Amino acid sequence: MHPASDRPIVVEDLETETRFGGPELPTSHDVRSGISTISGPYDEPWGILGTHDTERRTFTDEDVAFIRSVATVLAEAIERHRYQRELEGLVADLETSNERLEQFAYAASHDLQEPLRMVSSYLQLVERRDEDELDAKGREFLEFAVDGADRMRSMIDGLLAYSRVETRGEPFRPIDLEDVVADVRDDLDVRFGETDAELSIEELPRVEGEERQIRQAFQNPIDNAVTYSGDDPPRIRVSAERNGTVWTVSVSDGRLGIDPADQEHVFEIFQRVTLRDERAGAGIGLALCERIVERHDGDIWVESEPGEGSTFSFTLPAVDERGG
């Protein structure tokens, strides 16, 4: 039987029914009465749901409504299952695409190292042998070339690190953030001495993650705070606040600040934000931080006001104290 509309078809006596013909299945199984309704959209239904009886009977409006509600539930379940399969397929395609992009980024950045090394070597050779023979303009050009090579090396190193966040990541384990930030402080000790920087570290928690990557997530905003502090000695504060199952950790400074129009772009790869002193980074560091935080199922954001400083915050999973 095929319904002629999206309304349920009610048959009280199949022997006297003249609205439609169809397969012999109902009559061959002694079906006398029943209710049939489509399951799913009328133009492209998933199928037909029917309930039948071998006796002639009269169906109430409640009977019809019940069959229709069952058909709706079945249609929704089928639709969810179909969407779930489509979503799983899209996720698989996206993972494959991301893996290929990571492989390309690694191969491209790795292969660029050797020609860049050659360029840097020849620039150093020119600088040592011929600097005295160059006029002021020539020395300026040489300085630009050396600076460009250094910037390119920094970008390549950053791209390599960016491409390896997932593929070279270590398993998560409980780590102490106070130890992590102390290591970052030791790494930047020379720069802290040169700039008279102060790093204030509040009580920090233990979190679940990869120590090497989380160390990078802290080092970039702290290093930026030193670099873009303006004329005043850098004053940096690291703090943490528990929010349910995650910790929100923050790195605050009194540096030059970021224009509101640029704040939404600071985490984009190769998106360099020029600050008030017109210096700009390689455009990798904060993008790398975002990728690391995302690997830890966290979020990262910045709150900043030009001339008032910036606060970079990100979330990390808290350690389950019951499990260690």
C-alpha atoms as a PDB file:
ATOM      1  CA  MET A   1       0.000   0.000   0.000  1.00  0.00           C
ATOM      2  CA  HIS A   2       1.250   3.491  -0.816  1.00  0.00           C
ATOM      3  CA  PRO A   3      -0.199   6.477   0.991  1.00  0.00           C
ATOM      4  CA  ALA A   4      -1.399   9.259  -1.250  1.00  0.00           C
ATOM      5  CA  SER A   5      -0.439  11.999   1.199  1.00  0.00           C
ATOM      6  CA  ASP A   6       1.497  12.576   4.379  1.00  0.00           C
ATOM      7  CA  ARG A   7      -1.607  11.755   6.417  1.00  0.00           C
ATOM      8  CA  PRO A   8      -1.850   8.273   7.939  1.00  0.00           C
ATOM      9  CA  ILE A   9      -3.949   5.806   5.966  1.00  0.00           C
ATOM     10  CA  VAL A  10      -6.538   4.072   8.122  1.00  0.00           C
ATOM     11  CA  VAL A  11      -8.125   0.861   6.827  1.00  0.00           C
ATOM     12  CA  GLU A  12     -10.889  -0.681   8.898  1.00  0.00           C
ATOM     13  CA  ASP A  13     -11.722  -3.503   6.451  1.00  0.00           C
ATOM     14  CA  LEU A  14      -9.269  -4.378   3.692  1.00  0.00           C
ATOM     15  CA  GLU A  15     -11.813  -6.545   1.875  1.00  0.00           C
ATOM     16  CA  THR A  16     -14.033  -3.546   1.178  1.00  0.00           C
ATOM     17  CA  GLU A  17     -11.214  -1.017   0.696  1.00  0.00           C
ATOM     18  CA  THR A  18     -11.225   0.528  -2.810  1.00  0.00           C
ATOM     19  CA  ARG A  19      -8.790   3.446  -2.454  1.00  0.00           C
ATOM     20  CA  PHE A  20      -5.725   1.552  -3.599  1.00  0.00           C
ATOM     21  CA  GLY A  21      -4.404  -1.764  -4.738  1.00  0.00           C
ATOM     22  CA  GLY A  22      -0.901  -2.973  -4.235  1.00  0.00           C
ATOM     23  CA  PRO A  23       1.092  -6.002  -3.191  1.00  0.00           C
ATOM     24  CA  GLU A  24      -0.606  -9.179  -2.094  1.00  0.00           C
ATOM     25  CA  LEU A  25       1.382  -9.347   1.152  1.00  0.00           C
ATOM     26  CA  PRO A  26      -1.377  -7.967   3.409  1.00  0.00           C
ATOM     27  CA  THR A  27      -4.128 -10.170   2.006  1.00  0.00           C
ATOM     28  CA  SER A  28      -1.908 -13.233   1.854  1.00  0.00           C
ATOM     29  CA  HIS A  29      -1.318 -12.857   5.604  1.00  0.00           C
ATOM     30  CA  ASP A  30      -5.040 -12.444   6.400  1.00  0.00           C
ATOM     31  CA  VAL A  31      -4.701  -8.742   7.225  1.00  0.00           C
ATOM     32  CA  ARG A  32      -8.109  -7.095   7.589  1.00  0.00           C
ATOM     33  CA  SER A  33      -7.369  -3.666   9.087  1.00  0.00           C
ATOM     34  CA  GLY A  34      -4.509  -1.324   9.960  1.00  0.00           C
ATOM     35  CA  ILE A  35      -2.883   2.076   9.995  1.00  0.00           C
ATOM     36  CA  SER A  36      -0.002   3.051   7.669  1.00  0.00           C
ATOM     37  CA  THR A  37       1.984   6.284   7.648  1.00  0.00           C
ATOM     38  CA  ILE A  38       5.195   7.478   6.067  1.00  0.00           C
ATOM     39  CA  SER A  39       8.307   7.827   8.198  1.00  0.00           C
ATOM     40  CA  GLY A  40      10.378  10.851   7.312  1.00  0.00           C
ATOM     41  CA  PRO A  41       9.750  13.718   4.870  1.00  0.00           C
ATOM     42  CA  TYR A  42       6.834  13.193   2.483  1.00  0.00           C
ATOM     43  CA  ASP A  43       8.833  13.879  -0.690  1.00  0.00           C
ATOM     44  CA  GLU A  44      11.691  11.537   0.328  1.00  0.00           C
ATOM     45  CA  PRO A  45      10.399   9.225   3.080  1.00  0.00           C
ATOM     46  CA  TRP A  46      12.616   6.739   4.881  1.00  0.00           C
ATOM     47  CA  GLY A  47       9.844   4.154   4.577  1.00  0.00           C
ATOM     48  CA  ILE A  48       6.327   3.272   5.675  1.00  0.00           C
ATOM     49  CA  LEU A  49       5.356   2.268   9.193  1.00  0.00           C
ATOM     50  CA  GLY A  50       2.264   0.122   9.449  1.00  0.00           C
ATOM     51  CA  THR A  51       0.351  -1.682  12.164  1.00  0.00           C
ATOM     52  CA  HIS A  52      -2.160  -4.354  11.159  1.00  0.00           C
ATOM     53  CA  ASP A  53      -4.784  -6.670  12.578  1.00  0.00           C
ATOM     54  CA  THR A  54      -6.330  -9.888  11.241  1.00  0.00           C
ATOM     55  CA  GLU A  55      -9.714  -8.720  12.480  1.00  0.00           C
ATOM     56  CA  ARG A  56     -11.847  -5.878  11.261  1.00  0.00           C
ATOM     57  CA  ARG A  57     -11.667  -3.033  13.751  1.00  0.00           C
ATOM     58  CA  THR A  58     -12.264   0.674  14.221  1.00  0.00           C
ATOM     59  CA  PHE A  59      -9.317   2.936  15.081  1.00  0.00           C
ATOM     60  CA  THR A  60      -9.581   5.988  17.294  1.00  0.00           C
ATOM     61  CA  ASP A  61      -7.848   9.331  16.806  1.00  0.00           C
ATOM     62  CA  GLU A  62      -5.535   8.345  19.689  1.00  0.00           C
ATOM     63  CA  ASP A  63      -4.527   5.187  17.780  1.00  0.00           C
ATOM     64  CA  VAL A  64      -3.673   7.226  14.701  1.00  0.00           C
ATOM     65  CA  ALA A  65      -1.762   9.830  16.724  1.00  0.00           C
ATOM     66  CA  PHE A  66       0.257   7.118  18.451  1.00  0.00           C
ATOM     67  CA  ILE A  67       1.320   5.475  15.164  1.00  0.00           C
ATOM     68  CA  ARG A  68       2.228   8.845  13.748  1.00  0.00           C
ATOM     69  CA  SER A  69       4.347   9.731  16.801  1.00  0.00           C
ATOM     70  CA  VAL A  70       6.181   6.396  16.561  1.00  0.00           C
ATOM     71  CA  ALA A  71       6.902   7.095  12.884  1.00  0.00           C
ATOM     72  CA  THR A  72       8.253  10.536  13.812  1.00  0.00           C
ATOM     73  CA  VAL A  73      10.555   9.089  16.471  1.00  0.00           C
ATOM     74  CA  LEU A  74      11.860   6.493  14.005  1.00  0.00           C
ATOM     75  CA  ALA A  75      12.438   9.149  11.353  1.00  0.00           C
ATOM     76  CA  GLU A  76      14.374  11.341  13.769  1.00  0.00           C
ATOM     77  CA  ALA A  77      16.509   8.379  14.850  1.00  0.00           C
ATOM     78  CA  ILE A  78      17.279   7.468  11.239  1.00  0.00           C
ATOM     79  CA  GLU A  79      18.066  11.081  10.386  1.00  0.00           C
ATOM     80  CA  ARG A  80      20.423  11.419  13.381  1.00  0.00           C
ATOM     81  CA  HIS A  81      22.166   8.210  12.382  1.00  0.00           C
ATOM     82  CA  ARG A  82      22.594   9.440   8.818  1.00  0.00           C
ATOM     83  CA  TYR A  83      23.927  12.807   9.939  1.00  0.00           C
ATOM     84  CA  GLN A  84      26.269  11.084  12.362  1.00  0.00           C
ATOM     85  CA  ARG A  85      27.701   8.964   9.562  1.00  0.00           C
ATOM     86  CA  GLU A  86      28.085  12.022   7.345  1.00  0.00           C
ATOM     87  CA  LEU A  87      29.771  13.912  10.196  1.00  0.00           C
ATOM     88  CA  GLU A  88      32.156  11.022  10.864  1.00  0.00           C
ATOM     89  CA  GLY A  89      33.033  11.006   7.169  1.00  0.00           C
ATOM     90  CA  LEU A  90      33.691  14.762   7.201  1.00  0.00           C
ATOM     91  CA  VAL A  91      35.832  14.445  10.334  1.00  0.00           C
ATOM     92  CA  ALA A  92      37.844  11.640   8.733  1.00  0.00           C
ATOM     93  CA  ASP A  93      38.364  13.733   5.586  1.00  0.00           C
ATOM     94  CA  LEU A  94      39.385  16.736   7.699  1.00  0.00           C
ATOM     95  CA  GLU A  95      41.866  14.651   9.702  1.00  0.00           C
ATOM     96  CA  THR A  96      43.374  13.332   6.481  1.00  0.00           C
ATOM     97  CA  SER A  97      43.593  16.861   5.078  1.00  0.00           C
ATOM     98  CA  ASN A  98      45.199  18.180   8.267  1.00  0.00           C
ATOM     99  CA  GLU A  99      47.707  15.334   8.253  1.00  0.00           C
ATOM    100  CA  ARG A 100      48.695  16.122   4.665  1.00  0.00           C
ATOM    101  CA  LEU A 101      49.010  19.824   5.476  1.00  0.00           C
ATOM    102  CA  GLU A 102      51.219  19.001   8.455  1.00  0.00           C
ATOM    103  CA  GLN A 103      53.389  16.788   6.256  1.00  0.00           C
ATOM    104  CA  PHE A 104      53.643  19.534   3.651  1.00  0.00           C
ATOM    105  CA  ALA A 105      54.490  22.179   6.268  1.00  0.00           C
ATOM    106  CA  TYR A 106      57.184  19.953   7.735  1.00  0.00           C
ATOM    107  CA  ALA A 107      58.661  19.038   4.349  1.00  0.00           C
ATOM    108  CA  ALA A 108      58.591  22.627   3.075  1.00  0.00           C
ATOM    109  CA  SER A 109      60.140  24.124   6.203  1.00  0.00           C
ATOM    110  CA  HIS A 110      62.702  21.340   6.486  1.00  0.00           C
ATOM    111  CA  ASP A 111      63.769  21.694   2.841  1.00  0.00           C
ATOM    112  CA  LEU A 112      64.085  25.467   3.196  1.00  0.00           C
ATOM    113  CA  GLN A 113      66.670  25.192   5.932  1.00  0.00           C
ATOM    114  CA  GLU A 114      69.600  24.245   3.697  1.00  0.00           C
ATOM    115  CA  PRO A 115      69.265  27.059   1.091  1.00  0.00           C
ATOM    116  CA  LEU A 116      68.667  29.540   3.908  1.00  0.00           C
ATOM    117  CA  ARG A 117      71.769  28.302   5.682  1.00  0.00           C
ATOM    118  CA  MET A 118      73.712  28.931   2.464  1.00  0.00           C
ATOM    119  CA  VAL A 119      72.307  32.466   2.142  1.00  0.00           C
ATOM    120  CA  SER A 120      73.223  33.241   5.760  1.00  0.00           C
ATOM    121  CA  SER A 121      76.733  31.862   5.271  1.00  0.00           C
ATOM    122  CA  TYR A 122      77.398  34.038   2.238  1.00  0.00           C
ATOM    123  CA  LEU A 123      75.974  37.116   3.966  1.00  0.00           C
ATOM    124  CA  GLN A 124      78.299  36.512   6.901  1.00  0.00           C
ATOM    125  CA  LEU A 125      81.180  36.080   4.472  1.00  0.00           C
ATOM    126  CA  VAL A 126      80.401  39.404   2.793  1.00  0.00           C
ATOM    127  CA  GLU A 127      80.071  41.061   6.188  1.00  0.00           C
ATOM    128  CA  ARG A 128      83.484  39.817   7.330  1.00  0.00           C
ATOM    129  CA  ARG A 129      85.428  40.396   4.116  1.00  0.00           C
ATOM    130  CA  ASP A 130      83.898  43.414   2.463  1.00  0.00           C
ATOM    131  CA  GLU A 131      82.190  45.528   5.140  1.00  0.00           C
ATOM    132  CA  ASP A 132      85.023  48.099   5.134  1.00  0.00           C
ATOM    133  CA  GLU A 133      84.661  48.536   1.378  1.00  0.00           C
ATOM    134  CA  LEU A 134      80.925  49.180   1.526  1.00  0.00           C
ATOM    135  CA  ASP A 135      79.512  52.688   1.765  1.00  0.00           C
ATOM    136  CA  ALA A 136      76.763  53.575   4.221  1.00  0.00           C
ATOM    137  CA  LYS A 137      74.015  52.531   1.817  1.00  0.00           C
ATOM    138  CA  GLY A 138      75.716  49.214   1.092  1.00  0.00           C
ATOM    139  CA  ARG A 139      76.094  48.455   4.818  1.00  0.00           C
ATOM    140  CA  GLU A 140      72.442  49.319   5.289  1.00  0.00           C
ATOM    141  CA  PHE A 141      71.463  46.907   2.507  1.00  0.00           C
ATOM    142  CA  LEU A 142      73.626  44.201   4.058  1.00  0.00           C
ATOM    143  CA  GLU A 143      72.004  44.792   7.445  1.00  0.00           C
ATOM    144  CA  PHE A 144      68.554  44.425   5.864  1.00  0.00           C
ATOM    145  CA  ALA A 145      69.609  41.172   4.195  1.00  0.00           C
ATOM    146  CA  VAL A 146      71.012  39.710   7.426  1.00  0.00           C
ATOM    147  CA  ASP A 147      67.890  40.740   9.336  1.00  0.00           C
ATOM    148  CA  GLY A 148      65.680  39.164   6.651  1.00  0.00           C
ATOM    149  CA  ALA A 149      67.637  35.904   6.818  1.00  0.00           C
ATOM    150  CA  ASP A 150      67.338  35.850  10.603  1.00  0.00           C
ATOM    151  CA  ARG A 151      63.604  36.470  10.376  1.00  0.00           C
ATOM    152  CA  MET A 152      63.223  33.731   7.790  1.00  0.00           C
ATOM    153  CA  ARG A 153      65.110  31.298  10.041  1.00  0.00           C
ATOM    154  CA  SER A 154      62.788  32.175  12.900  1.00  0.00           C
ATOM    155  CA  MET A 155      59.738  31.607  10.714  1.00  0.00           C
ATOM    156  CA  ILE A 156      61.026  28.242   9.500  1.00  0.00           C
ATOM    157  CA  ASP A 157      61.789  27.085  13.031  1.00  0.00           C
ATOM    158  CA  GLY A 158      58.316  28.196  14.101  1.00  0.00           C
ATOM    159  CA  LEU A 159      56.659  26.453  11.167  1.00  0.00           C
ATOM    160  CA  LEU A 160      58.503  23.239  12.002  1.00  0.00           C
ATOM    161  CA  ALA A 161      57.310  23.437  15.601  1.00  0.00           C
ATOM    162  CA  TYR A 162      53.770  24.264  14.443  1.00  0.00           C
ATOM    163  CA  SER A 163      53.641  21.244  12.128  1.00  0.00           C
ATOM    164  CA  ARG A 164      54.823  18.899  14.880  1.00  0.00           C
ATOM    165  CA  VAL A 165      52.360  19.789  17.644  1.00  0.00           C
ATOM    166  CA  GLU A 166      50.219  16.726  16.915  1.00  0.00           C
ATOM    167  CA  THR A 167      52.651  14.383  15.189  1.00  0.00           C
ATOM    168  CA  ARG A 168      55.494  14.820  17.690  1.00  0.00           C
ATOM    169  CA  GLY A 169      53.373  15.327  20.793  1.00  0.00           C
ATOM    170  CA  GLU A 170      54.136  13.281  23.904  1.00  0.00           C
ATOM    171  CA  PRO A 171      51.472  11.625  26.099  1.00  0.00           C
ATOM    172  CA  PHE A 172      49.873  13.812  28.768  1.00  0.00           C
ATOM    173  CA  ARG A 173      50.817  13.490  32.413  1.00  0.00           C
ATOM    174  CA  PRO A 174      50.434  15.587  35.584  1.00  0.00           C
ATOM    175  CA  ILE A 175      52.838  18.542  35.549  1.00  0.00           C
ATOM    176  CA  ASP A 176      53.529  21.355  37.996  1.00  0.00           C
ATOM    177  CA  LEU A 177      53.080  24.769  36.374  1.00  0.00           C
ATOM    178  CA  GLU A 178      55.289  26.456  38.961  1.00  0.00           C
ATOM    179  CA  ASP A 179      58.204  24.312  37.751  1.00  0.00           C
ATOM    180  CA  VAL A 180      57.315  25.048  34.116  1.00  0.00           C
ATOM    181  CA  VAL A 181      57.246  28.835  34.603  1.00  0.00           C
ATOM    182  CA  ALA A 182      60.460  28.691  36.652  1.00  0.00           C
ATOM    183  CA  ASP A 183      62.168  26.966  33.710  1.00  0.00           C
ATOM    184  CA  VAL A 184      60.878  29.674  31.360  1.00  0.00           C
ATOM    185  CA  ARG A 185      62.273  32.291  33.741  1.00  0.00           C
ATOM    186  CA  ASP A 186      65.684  30.583  33.658  1.00  0.00           C
ATOM    187  CA  ASP A 187      65.634  30.438  29.844  1.00  0.00           C
ATOM    188  CA  LEU A 188      64.976  34.189  29.660  1.00  0.00           C
ATOM    189  CA  ASP A 189      67.383  35.089  32.470  1.00  0.00           C
ATOM    190  CA  VAL A 190      69.775  37.053  30.246  1.00  0.00           C
ATOM    191  CA  ARG A 191      66.965  39.097  28.684  1.00  0.00           C
ATOM    192  CA  PHE A 192      65.440  39.719  32.096  1.00  0.00           C
ATOM    193  CA  GLY A 193      68.777  41.069  33.274  1.00  0.00           C
ATOM    194  CA  GLU A 194      69.224  43.288  30.228  1.00  0.00           C
ATOM    195  CA  THR A 195      65.747  44.816  30.541  1.00  0.00           C
ATOM    196  CA  ASP A 196      65.420  44.863  34.333  1.00  0.00           C
ATOM    197  CA  ALA A 197      62.268  42.761  33.939  1.00  0.00           C
ATOM    198  CA  GLU A 198      60.328  41.456  36.932  1.00  0.00           C
ATOM    199  CA  LEU A 199      58.259  38.261  36.840  1.00  0.00           C
ATOM    200  CA  SER A 200      55.684  37.826  39.603  1.00  0.00           C
ATOM    201  CA  ILE A 201      54.445  34.237  39.887  1.00  0.00           C
ATOM    202  CA  GLU A 202      51.363  33.523  41.980  1.00  0.00           C
ATOM    203  CA  GLU A 203      50.571  30.050  43.303  1.00  0.00           C
ATOM    204  CA  LEU A 204      50.159  27.804  40.266  1.00  0.00           C
ATOM    205  CA  PRO A 205      48.443  24.403  40.056  1.00  0.00           C
ATOM    206  CA  ARG A 206      49.215  20.989  38.630  1.00  0.00           C
ATOM    207  CA  VAL A 207      47.570  20.287  35.288  1.00  0.00           C
ATOM    208  CA  GLU A 208      47.309  17.441  32.818  1.00  0.00           C
ATOM    209  CA  GLY A 209      49.361  17.931  29.679  1.00  0.00           C
ATOM    210  CA  GLU A 210      52.685  17.786  27.891  1.00  0.00           C
ATOM    211  CA  GLU A 211      55.342  19.741  29.750  1.00  0.00           C
ATOM    212  CA  ARG A 212      57.414  20.742  26.712  1.00  0.00           C
ATOM    213  CA  GLN A 213      54.439  22.173  24.830  1.00  0.00           C
ATOM    214  CA  ILE A 214      52.921  23.962  27.831  1.00  0.00           C
ATOM    215  CA  ARG A 215      56.329  25.480  28.445  1.00  0.00           C
ATOM    216  CA  GLN A 216      56.171  26.925  24.919  1.00  0.00           C
ATOM    217  CA  ALA A 217      52.653  28.239  25.604  1.00  0.00           C
ATOM    218  CA  PHE A 218      54.012  30.227  28.567  1.00  0.00           C
ATOM    219  CA  GLN A 219      57.292  31.281  27.004  1.00  0.00           C
ATOM    220  CA  ASN A 220      55.830  33.114  24.029  1.00  0.00           C
ATOM    221  CA  PRO A 221      53.611  35.640  25.892  1.00  0.00           C
ATOM    222  CA  ILE A 222      56.304  36.148  28.567  1.00  0.00           C
ATOM    223  CA  ASP A 223      58.972  36.706  25.922  1.00  0.00           C
ATOM    224  CA  ASN A 224      56.648  39.096  24.049  1.00  0.00           C
ATOM    225  CA  ALA A 225      56.019  41.005  27.264  1.00  0.00           C
ATOM    226  CA  VAL A 226      59.763  41.601  27.571  1.00  0.00           C
ATOM    227  CA  THR A 227      60.199  42.490  23.897  1.00  0.00           C
ATOM    228  CA  TYR A 228      57.284  44.935  23.672  1.00  0.00           C
ATOM    229  CA  SER A 229      57.504  46.628  27.054  1.00  0.00           C
ATOM    230  CA  GLY A 230      58.197  50.097  25.687  1.00  0.00           C
ATOM    231  CA  ASP A 231      60.588  52.330  27.598  1.00  0.00           C
ATOM    232  CA  ASP A 232      59.656  51.018  31.047  1.00  0.00           C
ATOM    233  CA  PRO A 233      61.106  47.854  32.613  1.00  0.00           C
ATOM    234  CA  PRO A 234      58.773  44.888  31.934  1.00  0.00           C
ATOM    235  CA  ARG A 235      56.472  43.927  34.800  1.00  0.00           C
ATOM    236  CA  ILE A 236      54.880  40.531  34.220  1.00  0.00           C
ATOM    237  CA  ARG A 237      52.463  38.544  36.382  1.00  0.00           C
ATOM    238  CA  VAL A 238      51.478  34.872  36.007  1.00  0.00           C
ATOM    239  CA  SER A 239      48.328  33.716  37.803  1.00  0.00           C
ATOM    240  CA  ALA A 240      45.759  30.901  37.753  1.00  0.00           C
ATOM    241  CA  GLU A 241      42.096  30.408  38.632  1.00  0.00           C
ATOM    242  CA  ARG A 242      40.146  27.142  38.923  1.00  0.00           C
ATOM    243  CA  ASN A 243      37.008  26.864  36.780  1.00  0.00           C
ATOM    244  CA  GLY A 244      35.414  23.455  37.254  1.00  0.00           C
ATOM    245  CA  THR A 245      37.541  20.813  35.580  1.00  0.00           C
ATOM    246  CA  VAL A 246      39.993  23.301  34.049  1.00  0.00           C
ATOM    247  CA  TRP A 247      42.450  25.938  35.206  1.00  0.00           C
ATOM    248  CA  THR A 248      42.541  29.335  33.543  1.00  0.00           C
ATOM    249  CA  VAL A 249      46.129  30.571  33.587  1.00  0.00           C
ATOM    250  CA  SER A 250      46.993  34.143  32.649  1.00  0.00           C
ATOM    251  CA  VAL A 251      50.104  36.094  31.708  1.00  0.00           C
ATOM    252  CA  SER A 252      49.598  39.824  32.316  1.00  0.00           C
ATOM    253  CA  ASP A 253      51.941  42.679  31.502  1.00  0.00           C
ATOM    254  CA  GLY A 254      52.095  46.456  31.325  1.00  0.00           C
ATOM    255  CA  ARG A 255      53.475  46.541  27.810  1.00  0.00           C
ATOM    256  CA  LEU A 256      52.355  48.589  24.826  1.00  0.00           C
ATOM    257  CA  GLY A 257      49.096  46.763  24.332  1.00  0.00           C
ATOM    258  CA  ILE A 258      47.289  45.564  21.199  1.00  0.00           C
ATOM    259  CA  ASP A 259      44.751  47.550  19.232  1.00  0.00           C
ATOM    260  CA  PRO A 260      41.219  46.081  19.559  1.00  0.00           C
ATOM    261  CA  ALA A 261      40.980  45.684  15.773  1.00  0.00           C
ATOM    262  CA  ASP A 262      44.072  43.445  15.816  1.00  0.00           C
ATOM    263  CA  GLN A 263      43.215  41.287  18.822  1.00  0.00           C
ATOM    264  CA  GLU A 264      41.094  38.776  16.886  1.00  0.00           C
ATOM    265  CA  HIS A 265      44.003  38.169  14.479  1.00  0.00           C
ATOM    266  CA  VAL A 266      46.900  37.715  16.893  1.00  0.00           C
ATOM    267  CA  PHE A 267      46.538  33.919  16.951  1.00  0.00           C
ATOM    268  CA  GLU A 268      46.490  33.511  13.166  1.00  0.00           C
ATOM    269  CA  ILE A 269      49.626  31.994  11.667  1.00  0.00           C
ATOM    270  CA  PHE A 270      51.907  34.510   9.898  1.00  0.00           C
ATOM    271  CA  GLN A 271      49.605  37.315  11.098  1.00  0.00           C
ATOM    272  CA  ARG A 272      52.063  39.818  12.514  1.00  0.00           C
ATOM    273  CA  VAL A 273      50.622  42.583  14.637  1.00  0.00           C
ATOM    274  CA  THR A 274      52.713  45.735  14.605  1.00  0.00           C
ATOM    275  CA  LEU A 275      52.710  47.504  17.946  1.00  0.00           C
ATOM    276  CA  ARG A 276      53.320  51.155  18.789  1.00  0.00           C
ATOM    277  CA  ASP A 277      57.094  50.784  18.505  1.00  0.00           C
ATOM    278  CA  GLU A 278      56.608  49.437  14.948  1.00  0.00           C
ATOM    279  CA  ARG A 279      58.322  46.149  15.681  1.00  0.00           C
ATOM    280  CA  ALA A 280      56.693  42.901  14.588  1.00  0.00           C
ATOM    281  CA  GLY A 281      57.344  39.254  15.269  1.00  0.00           C
ATOM    282  CA  ALA A 282      57.508  36.363  12.839  1.00  0.00           C
ATOM    283  CA  GLY A 283      53.795  35.635  13.190  1.00  0.00           C
ATOM    284  CA  ILE A 284      54.236  32.071  14.473  1.00  0.00           C
ATOM    285  CA  GLY A 285      54.524  32.209  18.268  1.00  0.00           C
ATOM    286  CA  LEU A 286      50.934  32.920  19.259  1.00  0.00           C
ATOM    287  CA  ALA A 287      49.569  30.640  16.525  1.00  0.00           C
ATOM    288  CA  LEU A 288      51.757  27.893  17.994  1.00  0.00           C
ATOM    289  CA  CYS A 289      50.371  28.668  21.467  1.00  0.00           C
ATOM    290  CA  GLU A 290      46.814  28.338  20.162  1.00  0.00           C
ATOM    291  CA  ARG A 291      47.586  25.000  18.510  1.00  0.00           C
ATOM    292  CA  ILE A 292      49.158  23.688  21.714  1.00  0.00           C
ATOM    293  CA  VAL A 293      46.207  24.816  23.838  1.00  0.00           C
ATOM    294  CA  GLU A 294      43.764  23.258  21.362  1.00  0.00           C
ATOM    295  CA  ARG A 295      45.640  19.970  21.625  1.00  0.00           C
ATOM    296  CA  HIS A 296      44.950  20.170  25.373  1.00  0.00           C
ATOM    297  CA  ASP A 297      41.213  20.768  24.643  1.00  0.00           C
ATOM    298  CA  GLY A 298      41.514  24.336  25.901  1.00  0.00           C
ATOM    299  CA  ASP A 299      40.765  27.877  24.753  1.00  0.00           C
ATOM    300  CA  ILE A 300      43.103  30.854  24.461  1.00  0.00           C
ATOM    301  CA  TRP A 301      42.293  34.557  24.250  1.00  0.00           C
ATOM    302  CA  VAL A 302      43.735  38.004  24.861  1.00  0.00           C
ATOM    303  CA  GLU A 303      42.400  41.056  26.650  1.00  0.00           C
ATOM    304  CA  SER A 304      44.331  44.207  25.868  1.00  0.00           C
ATOM    305  CA  GLU A 305      44.137  47.970  25.859  1.00  0.00           C
ATOM    306  CA  PRO A 306      46.705  50.072  23.974  1.00  0.00           C
ATOM    307  CA  GLY A 307      48.986  51.709  26.489  1.00  0.00           C
ATOM    308  CA  GLU A 308      47.558  49.675  29.372  1.00  0.00           C
ATOM    309  CA  GLY A 309      49.052  46.238  28.729  1.00  0.00           C
ATOM    310  CA  SER A 310      47.733  42.818  27.786  1.00  0.00           C
ATOM    311  CA  THR A 311      46.564  39.630  29.480  1.00  0.00           C
ATOM    312  CA  PHE A 312      46.898  36.354  27.608  1.00  0.00           C
ATOM    313  CA  SER A 313      44.789  33.589  29.143  1.00  0.00           C
ATOM    314  CA  PHE A 314      44.334  29.932  28.295  1.00  0.00           C
ATOM    315  CA  THR A 315      42.700  26.914  29.875  1.00  0.00           C
ATOM    316  CA  LEU A 316      44.316  23.599  30.736  1.00  0.00           C
ATOM    317  CA  PRO A 317      42.763  20.418  32.179  1.00  0.00           C
ATOM    318  CA  ALA A 318      43.042  20.113  35.943  1.00  0.00           C
ATOM    319  CA  VAL A 319      44.644  17.053  37.471  1.00  0.00           C
ATOM    320  CA  ASP A 320      42.166  14.690  39.094  1.00  0.00           C
ATOM    321  CA  GLU A 321      43.501  14.710  42.637  1.00  0.00           C
ATOM    322  CA  ARG A 322      41.922  11.337  43.312  1.00  0.00           C
ATOM    323  CA  GLY A 323      43.933   9.800  40.487  1.00  0.00           C
ATOM    324  CA  GLY A 324      47.204  11.564  41.241  1.00  0.00           C
END
